[in-house]
């Protein structure tokens, strides 16, 4: 999903908007993955709200596989990021600008990524 082209698009979008968070969708059409930049409607630099029109437009171009956003101040997913990935049941991808690093958080799935399953 994080192909070189997807990473490049996310980096360019993030650097253009920094220090405000960038946000967008990662779409799959056939066997290709596409980063689809969206407008951030949040008034805060350290938060993002995907523009509804951009979300709908992206969903018509391919299957939504993940949501991406950038961080300028830390490389830790916020509690809200984790809640949203679980609510929407799709991965959230963060691009941490200062270290040029990508991180992924996936939805919680009992029997897959809970703390009890490895012990069994």
C-alpha atoms as a PDB file:
ATOM      1  CA  UNK A   1       0.000   0.000   0.000  1.00  0.00           C
ATOM      2  CA  UNK A   2       2.865   2.389   0.801  1.00  0.00           C
ATOM      3  CA  UNK A   3       4.444   2.321  -2.631  1.00  0.00           C
ATOM      4  CA  UNK A   4       7.197   4.768  -3.528  1.00  0.00           C
ATOM      5  CA  UNK A   5       4.710   6.899  -5.497  1.00  0.00           C
ATOM      6  CA  UNK A   6       2.233   6.955  -2.584  1.00  0.00           C
ATOM      7  CA  UNK A   7       5.017   7.962  -0.167  1.00  0.00           C
ATOM      8  CA  UNK A   8       6.238  10.669  -2.535  1.00  0.00           C
ATOM      9  CA  UNK A   9       2.748  12.158  -2.883  1.00  0.00           C
ATOM     10  CA  UNK A  10       2.183  12.129   0.889  1.00  0.00           C
ATOM     11  CA  UNK A  11       5.585  13.729   1.558  1.00  0.00           C
ATOM     12  CA  UNK A  12       5.012  16.498  -0.995  1.00  0.00           C
ATOM     13  CA  UNK A  13       1.523  17.223   0.360  1.00  0.00           C
ATOM     14  CA  UNK A  14       2.796  17.222   3.959  1.00  0.00           C
ATOM     15  CA  UNK A  15       5.758  19.506   3.309  1.00  0.00           C
ATOM     16  CA  UNK A  16       3.571  21.940   1.391  1.00  0.00           C
ATOM     17  CA  UNK A  17       1.153  22.346   4.339  1.00  0.00           C
ATOM     18  CA  UNK A  18       3.558  22.101   7.308  1.00  0.00           C
ATOM     19  CA  UNK A  19       3.260  22.909  10.141  1.00  0.00           C
ATOM     20  CA  UNK A  20      -0.468  22.305   9.553  1.00  0.00           C
ATOM     21  CA  UNK A  21      -1.308  18.611   9.272  1.00  0.00           C
ATOM     22  CA  UNK A  22      -1.925  17.260   5.808  1.00  0.00           C
ATOM     23  CA  UNK A  23      -4.570  14.594   5.328  1.00  0.00           C
ATOM     24  CA  UNK A  24      -5.822  12.358   2.579  1.00  0.00           C
ATOM     25  CA  UNK A  25      -6.836   8.919   1.480  1.00  0.00           C
ATOM     26  CA  UNK A  26      -4.983   5.952   0.088  1.00  0.00           C
ATOM     27  CA  UNK A  27      -7.105   4.400  -2.613  1.00  0.00           C
ATOM     28  CA  UNK A  28      -6.856   1.142  -4.510  1.00  0.00           C
ATOM     29  CA  UNK A  29      -7.986   0.946  -8.092  1.00  0.00           C
ATOM     30  CA  UNK A  30      -7.368  -2.436  -9.685  1.00  0.00           C
ATOM     31  CA  UNK A  31      -3.861  -3.331  -8.481  1.00  0.00           C
ATOM     32  CA  UNK A  32      -2.629   0.244  -8.083  1.00  0.00           C
ATOM     33  CA  UNK A  33      -2.485   2.331  -4.924  1.00  0.00           C
ATOM     34  CA  UNK A  34      -2.987   6.089  -5.109  1.00  0.00           C
ATOM     35  CA  UNK A  35      -2.508   8.793  -2.481  1.00  0.00           C
ATOM     36  CA  UNK A  36      -5.417  11.221  -2.800  1.00  0.00           C
ATOM     37  CA  UNK A  37      -4.682  14.517  -0.993  1.00  0.00           C
ATOM     38  CA  UNK A  38      -7.653  16.087   0.789  1.00  0.00           C
ATOM     39  CA  UNK A  39      -8.269  19.490   2.328  1.00  0.00           C
ATOM     40  CA  UNK A  40      -7.854  19.755   6.072  1.00  0.00           C
ATOM     41  CA  UNK A  41     -10.813  21.666   7.517  1.00  0.00           C
ATOM     42  CA  UNK A  42      -9.357  21.890  11.048  1.00  0.00           C
ATOM     43  CA  UNK A  43      -8.443  25.327  12.336  1.00  0.00           C
ATOM     44  CA  UNK A  44      -5.683  23.784  14.478  1.00  0.00           C
ATOM     45  CA  UNK A  45      -2.223  22.908  13.157  1.00  0.00           C
ATOM     46  CA  UNK A  46      -2.096  19.700  15.189  1.00  0.00           C
ATOM     47  CA  UNK A  47      -5.375  18.166  14.080  1.00  0.00           C
ATOM     48  CA  UNK A  48      -7.092  17.191  10.852  1.00  0.00           C
ATOM     49  CA  UNK A  49     -10.636  16.986   9.571  1.00  0.00           C
ATOM     50  CA  UNK A  50     -11.025  15.529   6.080  1.00  0.00           C
ATOM     51  CA  UNK A  51     -13.171  17.710   3.845  1.00  0.00           C
ATOM     52  CA  UNK A  52     -16.392  15.717   3.183  1.00  0.00           C
ATOM     53  CA  UNK A  53     -16.440  16.584  -0.529  1.00  0.00           C
ATOM     54  CA  UNK A  54     -12.859  15.337  -0.921  1.00  0.00           C
ATOM     55  CA  UNK A  55     -13.730  12.121   0.935  1.00  0.00           C
ATOM     56  CA  UNK A  56     -16.694  11.442  -1.365  1.00  0.00           C
ATOM     57  CA  UNK A  57     -14.685  12.343  -4.471  1.00  0.00           C
ATOM     58  CA  UNK A  58     -11.883   9.989  -3.429  1.00  0.00           C
ATOM     59  CA  UNK A  59     -14.342   7.181  -2.765  1.00  0.00           C
ATOM     60  CA  UNK A  60     -15.539   7.405  -6.373  1.00  0.00           C
ATOM     61  CA  UNK A  61     -11.979   7.006  -7.694  1.00  0.00           C
ATOM     62  CA  UNK A  62     -11.119   3.783  -5.877  1.00  0.00           C
ATOM     63  CA  UNK A  63     -11.604   1.725  -2.741  1.00  0.00           C
ATOM     64  CA  UNK A  64     -10.486   3.553   0.399  1.00  0.00           C
ATOM     65  CA  UNK A  65      -7.745   1.472   2.000  1.00  0.00           C
ATOM     66  CA  UNK A  66      -6.341   3.949   4.553  1.00  0.00           C
ATOM     67  CA  UNK A  67      -6.379   7.517   5.815  1.00  0.00           C
ATOM     68  CA  UNK A  68      -3.086   9.408   5.982  1.00  0.00           C
ATOM     69  CA  UNK A  69      -1.998  12.519   7.817  1.00  0.00           C
ATOM     70  CA  UNK A  70       1.209  14.228   8.857  1.00  0.00           C
ATOM     71  CA  UNK A  71       2.736  15.239  12.170  1.00  0.00           C
ATOM     72  CA  UNK A  72       5.317  17.970  12.657  1.00  0.00           C
ATOM     73  CA  UNK A  73       5.688  17.805  16.432  1.00  0.00           C
ATOM     74  CA  UNK A  74       5.794  14.101  17.415  1.00  0.00           C
ATOM     75  CA  UNK A  75       5.675  10.602  15.976  1.00  0.00           C
ATOM     76  CA  UNK A  76       2.975   9.245  18.290  1.00  0.00           C
ATOM     77  CA  UNK A  77      -0.570   8.527  17.154  1.00  0.00           C
ATOM     78  CA  UNK A  78      -3.038  10.556  19.195  1.00  0.00           C
ATOM     79  CA  UNK A  79      -5.855   8.920  21.132  1.00  0.00           C
ATOM     80  CA  UNK A  80      -8.217  10.394  18.540  1.00  0.00           C
ATOM     81  CA  UNK A  81      -6.210   8.807  15.680  1.00  0.00           C
ATOM     82  CA  UNK A  82      -6.519   5.403  17.343  1.00  0.00           C
ATOM     83  CA  UNK A  83     -10.231   5.865  18.053  1.00  0.00           C
ATOM     84  CA  UNK A  84     -10.847   6.861  14.438  1.00  0.00           C
ATOM     85  CA  UNK A  85      -8.939   3.914  12.961  1.00  0.00           C
ATOM     86  CA  UNK A  86     -11.048   1.576  15.103  1.00  0.00           C
ATOM     87  CA  UNK A  87     -14.297   3.428  14.348  1.00  0.00           C
ATOM     88  CA  UNK A  88     -13.747   3.381  10.580  1.00  0.00           C
ATOM     89  CA  UNK A  89     -12.023  -0.020  10.603  1.00  0.00           C
ATOM     90  CA  UNK A  90      -9.180   1.051   8.319  1.00  0.00           C
ATOM     91  CA  UNK A  91      -5.496   1.785   8.933  1.00  0.00           C
ATOM     92  CA  UNK A  92      -4.297   5.292   9.677  1.00  0.00           C
ATOM     93  CA  UNK A  93      -0.905   6.237   8.320  1.00  0.00           C
ATOM     94  CA  UNK A  94       1.189   9.027   9.772  1.00  0.00           C
ATOM     95  CA  UNK A  95       4.064  10.773   8.056  1.00  0.00           C
ATOM     96  CA  UNK A  96       6.385  12.276  10.657  1.00  0.00           C
ATOM     97  CA  UNK A  97       8.047  15.156   8.825  1.00  0.00           C
ATOM     98  CA  UNK A  98      11.169  15.823  11.003  1.00  0.00           C
ATOM     99  CA  UNK A  99      12.428  12.229  10.705  1.00  0.00           C
ATOM    100  CA  UNK A 100      10.999  11.469   7.226  1.00  0.00           C
ATOM    101  CA  UNK A 101       9.297   8.414   8.740  1.00  0.00           C
ATOM    102  CA  UNK A 102       5.994   6.616   8.142  1.00  0.00           C
ATOM    103  CA  UNK A 103       4.017   4.828  10.872  1.00  0.00           C
ATOM    104  CA  UNK A 104       0.850   2.743  10.555  1.00  0.00           C
ATOM    105  CA  UNK A 105      -1.835   1.971  13.109  1.00  0.00           C
ATOM    106  CA  UNK A 106      -4.385  -0.706  12.314  1.00  0.00           C
ATOM    107  CA  UNK A 107      -7.842  -1.329  13.755  1.00  0.00           C
ATOM    108  CA  UNK A 108      -8.038  -3.475  16.864  1.00  0.00           C
ATOM    109  CA  UNK A 109      -9.074  -7.042  16.036  1.00  0.00           C
ATOM    110  CA  UNK A 110      -9.614  -9.564  18.778  1.00  0.00           C
ATOM    111  CA  UNK A 111      -7.559 -12.651  18.000  1.00  0.00           C
ATOM    112  CA  UNK A 112      -5.137 -10.744  15.765  1.00  0.00           C
ATOM    113  CA  UNK A 113      -3.556  -7.745  17.448  1.00  0.00           C
ATOM    114  CA  UNK A 114      -4.701  -7.979  21.038  1.00  0.00           C
ATOM    115  CA  UNK A 115      -2.281  -8.647  23.882  1.00  0.00           C
ATOM    116  CA  UNK A 116      -3.770 -12.008  24.872  1.00  0.00           C
ATOM    117  CA  UNK A 117      -3.442 -13.821  21.525  1.00  0.00           C
ATOM    118  CA  UNK A 118       0.403 -14.055  21.510  1.00  0.00           C
ATOM    119  CA  UNK A 119       0.292 -15.588  25.006  1.00  0.00           C
ATOM    120  CA  UNK A 120      -2.009 -18.388  23.844  1.00  0.00           C
END
